[in-house]
Amino acid sequence: MRTRLASNHHCVLAISVFFAAVFSHSGAIAADKLVVLFSAHSMSQSMPWIAQAAGLLKKYDLDMELVYVGGGPRAAAATVAGGTDITIVGGVSIVRPFAQGNKDLAFIGSVKNILTHSIFAKGDIKKPEDLRNKRIGVTQIGSNPHYFAVQALRHFGIEAREVTFIQTGGTGETLAALIAGGIDAAVLLPPIDAQAIDLGYHYVINGPELRIPYAATTFVARRSTIAKRQEVLSRFMRVMAEATMILHTDKEFTYKVLGKQLRLADRKILDAAYNAEIKALEPRLAFKPEALQAILDEVGEIDSRAKKIKPQDLVDTRFLDEMEKSGFFDQLWSSKR
């Protein structure tokens, strides 16, 4: 598996060039190739890393080209452009173009149905009310961190207009901006939030305690791709199901993978991140209607077309249904590592 990084400034162009190179590659390749895009270096998007490390791609005769594009809106733009087979991304970035008329997009699995971000700061910012008139770092306006911040602040009686949101481009960049003093507070996810604590920053708002419903991490494919490559995508979803099982049941293996991919060696940070996040992840990649409805409600505030869409309109559950009906999930979890 090769992981590629795409520039935030020219990501769609870069991805298009990259995909052209991928698909023009010739040679005898037995495995079926899939281009998979992920949008965050986080535990909830770690399944492709786990799959590669555990040898699952070879087991299912797949060759995965893994591309990173930071931020949900950028990842969604690449998906809409048709350059990826599968995208791992927050749901809001997909619901927006769907509401605008792109009905080719479909959610095929869900990793996380609540938001687990938190807001961190240092010094005088100790409680939510202290965030008024402060600069809060998020990866991108319209991203999961931005939505979380808006909802979390509202929970404590603070409106978005009372703060200034600063776009950083990525979760790691958000922490770097906080350290550099470019922002007053930061919206972070595990495991980077544990790094922030280790550096002396503290929770201002502990997101997991709020349990805000939201399709925070999902698998997305185009319906046209599903029609053409259903059998290949079915194998990919089985790979992700097995990787998810490993994530939930083999902490040491997961730590090894996360440590390598996120360059983390501190066991204390890994423990804190894992314990905070694992309870929010779906063991069978199941959808929660209320999580998708939360996004539809949000998008509906600025685009009335979203009010006519139901959660079931957004999903294609054929791969999850097949794994349930065939007994794959039951067998998988009965033989867990």
Protein backbone atom coordinates (compact mmCIF):
# COMPACT_ATOMS: atom_id res chain seq x y z
CA MET A 1 0.00 0.00 0.00
CA ARG A 2 1.28 3.46 -0.89
CA THR A 3 0.11 6.53 0.93
CA ARG A 4 0.16 9.81 -0.99
CA LEU A 5 -0.25 13.35 0.27
CA ALA A 6 -2.14 15.93 -1.79
CA SER A 7 -1.53 19.68 -1.41
CA ASN A 8 -4.36 21.57 0.23
CA HIS A 9 -4.01 24.40 -2.29
CA HIS A 10 -4.30 22.32 -5.42
CA CYS A 11 -5.73 19.08 -4.11
CA VAL A 12 -8.33 18.38 -6.80
CA LEU A 13 -5.82 18.98 -9.61
CA ALA A 14 -3.16 16.95 -7.83
CA ILE A 15 -5.54 14.10 -7.18
CA SER A 16 -6.69 14.09 -10.82
CA VAL A 17 -3.08 13.84 -12.01
CA PHE A 18 -2.40 11.12 -9.46
CA PHE A 19 -5.43 9.10 -10.50
CA ALA A 20 -4.47 9.39 -14.16
CA ALA A 21 -1.10 7.89 -13.29
CA VAL A 22 -2.72 5.11 -11.29
CA PHE A 23 -5.17 4.07 -13.95
CA SER A 24 -2.66 4.31 -16.81
CA HIS A 25 -0.28 1.96 -15.03
CA SER A 26 0.10 -1.23 -17.00
CA GLY A 27 1.34 -4.62 -16.05
CA ALA A 28 0.09 -7.95 -14.82
CA ILE A 29 -1.58 -7.22 -11.49
CA ALA A 30 -3.64 -10.03 -10.07
CA ALA A 31 -5.28 -8.03 -7.30
CA ASP A 32 -8.15 -5.64 -7.97
CA LYS A 33 -7.13 -2.04 -7.45
CA LEU A 34 -9.15 0.45 -5.45
CA VAL A 35 -8.36 4.12 -4.87
CA VAL A 36 -9.29 5.00 -1.28
CA LEU A 37 -9.23 8.56 0.00
CA PHE A 38 -9.10 9.42 3.70
CA SER A 39 -9.58 12.88 5.17
CA ALA A 40 -8.04 12.79 8.66
CA HIS A 41 -5.11 11.23 10.48
CA SER A 42 -7.22 9.82 13.28
CA MET A 43 -8.09 6.59 15.01
CA SER A 44 -11.56 6.56 13.47
CA GLN A 45 -10.00 6.51 9.98
CA SER A 46 -7.28 3.98 10.80
CA MET A 47 -8.93 0.88 9.30
CA PRO A 48 -6.99 1.02 5.98
CA TRP A 49 -3.71 1.19 7.92
CA ILE A 50 -4.75 -1.77 10.07
CA ALA A 51 -5.86 -3.72 7.00
CA GLN A 52 -2.49 -3.27 5.34
CA ALA A 53 -0.52 -4.17 8.46
CA ALA A 54 -2.65 -7.26 9.11
CA GLY A 55 -2.34 -8.57 5.54
CA LEU A 56 -6.08 -8.28 4.88
CA LEU A 57 -5.67 -6.73 1.43
CA LYS A 58 -3.76 -9.75 0.20
CA LYS A 59 -6.28 -12.05 1.84
CA TYR A 60 -9.09 -10.45 -0.15
CA ASP A 61 -7.05 -9.99 -3.35
CA LEU A 62 -7.13 -6.19 -3.28
CA ASP A 63 -4.55 -3.54 -4.11
CA MET A 64 -5.31 -0.27 -2.33
CA GLU A 65 -3.99 3.11 -3.35
CA LEU A 66 -4.46 5.28 -0.25
CA VAL A 67 -4.64 9.05 -0.75
CA TYR A 68 -4.80 11.69 1.99
CA VAL A 69 -6.71 14.93 1.46
CA GLY A 70 -7.10 16.92 4.67
CA GLY A 71 -10.55 18.24 5.51
CA GLY A 72 -13.99 16.94 4.61
CA PRO A 73 -14.94 19.57 2.00
CA ARG A 74 -11.73 18.95 0.02
CA ALA A 75 -12.20 15.19 0.24
CA ALA A 76 -15.80 15.53 -0.90
CA ALA A 77 -14.73 17.67 -3.87
CA ALA A 78 -12.37 14.90 -4.98
CA THR A 79 -15.14 12.34 -4.56
CA VAL A 80 -17.62 14.37 -6.58
CA ALA A 81 -14.95 14.81 -9.26
CA GLY A 82 -14.96 11.03 -9.67
CA GLY A 83 -11.35 10.39 -8.76
CA THR A 84 -11.79 7.86 -5.96
CA ASP A 85 -13.58 4.55 -5.49
CA ILE A 86 -14.09 4.93 -1.74
CA THR A 87 -13.84 7.98 0.51
CA ILE A 88 -13.62 8.00 4.30
CA VAL A 89 -15.04 11.32 5.42
CA GLY A 90 -17.46 13.13 7.69
CA GLY A 91 -21.04 12.97 6.48
CA VAL A 92 -21.79 16.67 6.13
CA SER A 93 -19.35 17.09 3.26
CA ILE A 94 -21.32 14.50 1.28
CA VAL A 95 -24.84 15.58 2.27
CA ARG A 96 -24.29 19.09 0.93
CA PRO A 97 -23.63 18.05 -2.70
CA PHE A 98 -26.36 15.39 -2.42
CA ALA A 99 -28.87 18.08 -1.46
CA GLN A 100 -27.63 20.17 -4.38
CA GLY A 101 -28.56 17.37 -6.76
CA ASN A 102 -25.63 14.93 -6.87
CA LYS A 103 -27.62 11.77 -6.18
CA ASP A 104 -24.73 9.57 -7.32
CA LEU A 105 -23.23 9.74 -3.83
CA ALA A 106 -24.08 7.09 -1.24
CA PHE A 107 -23.00 6.20 2.28
CA ILE A 108 -22.13 2.49 2.41
CA GLY A 109 -20.94 2.20 6.01
CA SER A 110 -20.54 4.27 9.16
CA VAL A 111 -17.64 4.21 11.60
CA LYS A 112 -18.72 6.84 14.10
CA ASN A 113 -22.20 8.24 14.76
CA ILE A 114 -21.37 10.82 17.42
CA LEU A 115 -18.82 13.61 17.56
CA THR A 116 -15.80 13.00 19.80
CA HIS A 117 -13.97 16.26 19.27
CA SER A 118 -13.13 18.48 22.21
CA ILE A 119 -12.02 22.08 22.64
CA PHE A 120 -8.68 22.72 24.32
CA ALA A 121 -6.97 25.84 25.57
CA LYS A 122 -4.43 27.09 28.08
CA GLY A 123 -4.23 29.85 30.66
CA ASP A 124 -7.27 31.98 31.39
CA ILE A 125 -9.65 30.07 29.12
CA LYS A 126 -11.02 27.51 31.57
CA LYS A 127 -14.77 27.29 30.96
CA PRO A 128 -16.96 27.52 27.83
CA GLU A 129 -18.03 31.09 28.58
CA ASP A 130 -14.37 32.15 28.39
CA LEU A 131 -14.37 31.31 24.65
CA ARG A 132 -16.39 34.39 23.74
CA ASN A 133 -14.43 36.74 21.47
CA LYS A 134 -11.64 34.15 21.15
CA ARG A 135 -10.02 32.57 18.08
CA ILE A 136 -10.89 28.88 17.75
CA GLY A 137 -8.92 26.68 15.38
CA VAL A 138 -10.78 24.21 13.13
CA THR A 139 -9.51 22.27 10.13
CA GLN A 140 -11.90 23.95 7.71
CA ILE A 141 -15.21 25.81 7.77
CA GLY A 142 -17.89 23.23 7.06
CA SER A 143 -15.82 20.36 8.47
CA ASN A 144 -16.66 18.08 11.41
CA PRO A 145 -14.54 20.14 13.86
CA HIS A 146 -16.35 23.31 12.80
CA TYR A 147 -19.78 21.73 13.20
CA PHE A 148 -18.81 20.32 16.59
CA ALA A 149 -17.62 23.71 17.79
CA VAL A 150 -20.86 25.40 16.68
CA GLN A 151 -23.03 22.77 18.38
CA ALA A 152 -20.92 22.53 21.53
CA LEU A 153 -20.82 26.31 21.98
CA ARG A 154 -24.57 26.51 21.44
CA HIS A 155 -25.01 23.87 24.15
CA PHE A 156 -23.44 26.36 26.56
CA GLY A 157 -25.41 29.35 25.29
CA ILE A 158 -22.72 30.75 22.97
CA GLU A 159 -23.50 31.54 19.34
CA ALA A 160 -20.96 31.06 16.54
CA ARG A 161 -20.94 34.81 15.81
CA GLU A 162 -19.46 35.38 19.28
CA VAL A 163 -16.17 33.64 18.35
CA THR A 164 -13.77 33.73 15.41
CA PHE A 165 -13.06 30.47 13.61
CA ILE A 166 -9.57 30.08 12.12
CA GLN A 167 -9.04 27.45 9.41
CA THR A 168 -5.82 25.47 9.85
CA GLY A 169 -6.05 22.78 7.15
CA GLY A 170 -5.62 19.70 9.36
CA THR A 171 -5.84 18.42 12.92
CA GLY A 172 -2.07 18.38 13.38
CA GLU A 173 -1.91 21.89 12.03
CA THR A 174 -4.58 22.96 14.53
CA LEU A 175 -2.44 21.81 17.44
CA ALA A 176 0.60 23.50 15.91
CA ALA A 177 -1.36 26.76 15.61
CA LEU A 178 -2.37 26.50 19.26
CA ILE A 179 1.22 25.96 20.34
CA ALA A 180 2.40 28.88 18.19
CA GLY A 181 -0.23 31.21 19.63
CA GLY A 182 -2.02 31.74 16.35
CA ILE A 183 -5.29 30.66 17.97
CA ASP A 184 -6.65 30.81 21.51
CA ALA A 185 -8.37 27.42 21.53
CA ALA A 186 -8.37 24.32 19.34
CA VAL A 187 -10.88 21.69 18.29
CA LEU A 188 -9.03 18.36 18.44
CA LEU A 189 -9.68 14.63 18.08
CA PRO A 190 -8.00 11.56 19.62
CA PRO A 191 -5.10 10.93 19.66
CA ILE A 192 -3.88 14.48 19.06
CA ASP A 193 -6.04 15.70 21.93
CA ALA A 194 -4.00 13.51 24.27
CA GLN A 195 -0.85 15.15 22.93
CA ALA A 196 -2.36 18.52 23.78
CA ILE A 197 -2.99 17.41 27.35
CA ASP A 198 0.58 16.16 27.59
CA LEU A 199 1.75 19.60 26.48
CA GLY A 200 -0.17 21.30 29.28
CA TYR A 201 -3.43 22.22 27.54
CA HIS A 202 -6.76 21.39 29.17
CA TYR A 203 -10.34 20.62 28.21
CA VAL A 204 -12.61 23.62 27.89
CA ILE A 205 -15.38 21.45 26.42
CA ASN A 206 -15.17 17.66 26.62
CA GLY A 207 -17.00 16.59 23.49
CA PRO A 208 -17.58 12.87 24.16
CA GLU A 209 -19.56 13.79 27.27
CA LEU A 210 -22.05 15.70 25.09
CA ARG A 211 -22.63 12.73 22.74
CA ILE A 212 -23.78 14.93 19.85
CA PRO A 213 -25.40 12.69 17.17
CA TYR A 214 -23.60 13.04 13.86
CA ALA A 215 -22.35 10.83 11.05
CA ALA A 216 -18.80 11.81 11.89
CA THR A 217 -16.88 9.14 9.98
CA THR A 218 -18.39 7.28 7.03
CA PHE A 219 -17.53 5.20 3.98
CA VAL A 220 -18.77 6.80 0.77
CA ALA A 221 -18.96 5.53 -2.80
CA ARG A 222 -20.63 6.68 -5.98
CA ARG A 223 -23.65 4.65 -7.00
CA SER A 224 -22.22 4.40 -10.50
CA THR A 225 -19.06 2.82 -9.05
CA ILE A 226 -21.13 0.40 -6.98
CA ALA A 227 -22.99 -0.69 -10.12
CA LYS A 228 -19.76 -1.33 -11.99
CA ARG A 229 -17.62 -2.79 -9.19
CA GLN A 230 -20.05 -4.27 -6.67
CA GLU A 231 -18.09 -7.48 -6.08
CA VAL A 232 -14.82 -5.61 -5.54
CA LEU A 233 -16.42 -3.12 -3.17
CA SER A 234 -18.01 -6.01 -1.31
CA ARG A 235 -14.56 -7.45 -0.64
CA PHE A 236 -13.30 -4.03 0.42
CA MET A 237 -16.09 -3.69 2.97
CA ARG A 238 -15.23 -7.11 4.36
CA VAL A 239 -11.65 -5.93 4.73
CA MET A 240 -12.87 -2.86 6.62
CA ALA A 241 -15.11 -5.03 8.80
CA GLU A 242 -12.17 -7.23 9.75
CA ALA A 243 -9.95 -4.20 10.37
CA THR A 244 -12.66 -2.74 12.59
CA MET A 245 -12.80 -5.96 14.58
CA ILE A 246 -9.03 -5.81 15.09
CA LEU A 247 -9.32 -2.17 16.15
CA HIS A 248 -11.85 -3.13 18.81
CA THR A 249 -10.25 -6.33 20.07
CA ASP A 250 -6.48 -6.17 19.61
CA LYS A 251 -5.26 -3.08 21.41
CA GLU A 252 -1.56 -3.90 21.13
CA PHE A 253 -1.68 -4.43 17.37
CA THR A 254 -3.73 -1.25 16.98
CA TYR A 255 -1.21 0.70 19.07
CA LYS A 256 1.60 -0.55 16.86
CA VAL A 257 -0.21 0.66 13.74
CA LEU A 258 -1.28 3.99 15.22
CA GLY A 259 2.17 4.59 16.64
CA LYS A 260 3.76 4.10 13.24
CA GLN A 261 1.24 6.08 11.20
CA LEU A 262 0.81 8.94 13.67
CA ARG A 263 4.42 8.89 14.93
CA LEU A 264 3.36 8.30 18.51
CA ALA A 265 5.48 6.33 20.92
CA ASP A 266 4.05 7.52 24.23
CA ARG A 267 1.92 4.72 25.69
CA LYS A 268 0.10 7.17 27.92
CA ILE A 269 -1.10 9.18 24.91
CA LEU A 270 -2.15 6.05 23.03
CA ASP A 271 -4.07 4.76 26.05
CA ALA A 272 -5.89 8.05 26.54
CA ALA A 273 -6.80 8.30 22.87
CA TYR A 274 -7.93 4.69 22.54
CA ASN A 275 -10.03 4.67 25.71
CA ALA A 276 -11.76 7.92 24.73
CA GLU A 277 -12.51 6.97 21.14
CA ILE A 278 -13.19 3.24 21.01
CA LYS A 279 -16.55 3.51 22.81
CA ALA A 280 -17.85 5.75 20.02
CA LEU A 281 -16.89 3.48 17.09
CA GLU A 282 -19.40 1.13 15.47
CA PRO A 283 -18.24 -2.52 15.62
CA ARG A 284 -20.40 -3.49 12.61
CA LEU A 285 -20.16 -0.21 10.69
CA ALA A 286 -23.86 0.42 11.27
CA PHE A 287 -25.74 3.60 10.45
CA LYS A 288 -27.76 5.52 13.03
CA PRO A 289 -30.66 7.43 11.41
CA GLU A 290 -30.43 10.19 14.01
CA ALA A 291 -26.78 10.78 13.09
CA LEU A 292 -27.66 11.38 9.43
CA GLN A 293 -30.76 13.38 10.39
CA ALA A 294 -28.58 15.73 12.44
CA ILE A 295 -26.61 16.54 9.29
CA LEU A 296 -29.77 16.98 7.22
CA ASP A 297 -31.08 19.40 9.84
CA GLU A 298 -27.83 21.36 9.75
CA VAL A 299 -27.69 21.55 5.96
CA GLY A 300 -31.41 22.32 5.84
CA GLU A 301 -30.80 25.59 7.67
CA ILE A 302 -29.00 26.97 4.61
CA ASP A 303 -30.39 24.75 1.84
CA SER A 304 -34.12 23.98 2.02
CA ARG A 305 -33.68 21.04 -0.37
CA ALA A 306 -32.13 19.04 2.47
CA LYS A 307 -35.44 19.19 4.36
CA LYS A 308 -36.99 16.91 1.73
CA ILE A 309 -34.31 14.24 2.10
CA LYS A 310 -34.65 11.29 4.49
CA PRO A 311 -31.69 9.44 6.02
CA GLN A 312 -32.52 6.30 4.04
CA ASP A 313 -32.23 8.27 0.79
CA LEU A 314 -28.53 8.79 1.51
CA VAL A 315 -27.47 5.20 2.16
CA ASP A 316 -26.85 1.98 0.27
CA THR A 317 -26.77 -0.81 2.83
CA ARG A 318 -26.26 -3.74 0.46
CA PHE A 319 -22.76 -4.55 1.74
CA LEU A 320 -23.70 -4.34 5.42
CA ASP A 321 -26.89 -6.33 4.77
CA GLU A 322 -24.94 -9.04 2.96
CA MET A 323 -22.46 -9.38 5.82
CA GLU A 324 -25.31 -9.65 8.32
CA LYS A 325 -27.45 -12.09 6.33
CA SER A 326 -24.55 -14.35 5.34
CA GLY A 327 -23.40 -14.64 8.94
CA PHE A 328 -20.08 -12.97 8.14
CA PHE A 329 -20.31 -10.54 11.04
CA ASP A 330 -21.29 -13.26 13.50
CA GLN A 331 -18.45 -15.50 12.38
CA LEU A 332 -16.00 -12.63 12.42
CA TRP A 333 -16.77 -11.61 15.99
CA SER A 334 -16.97 -15.17 17.27
CA SER A 335 -13.37 -15.72 16.09
CA LYS A 336 -12.00 -12.37 17.25
CA ARG A 337 -8.27 -12.06 17.82
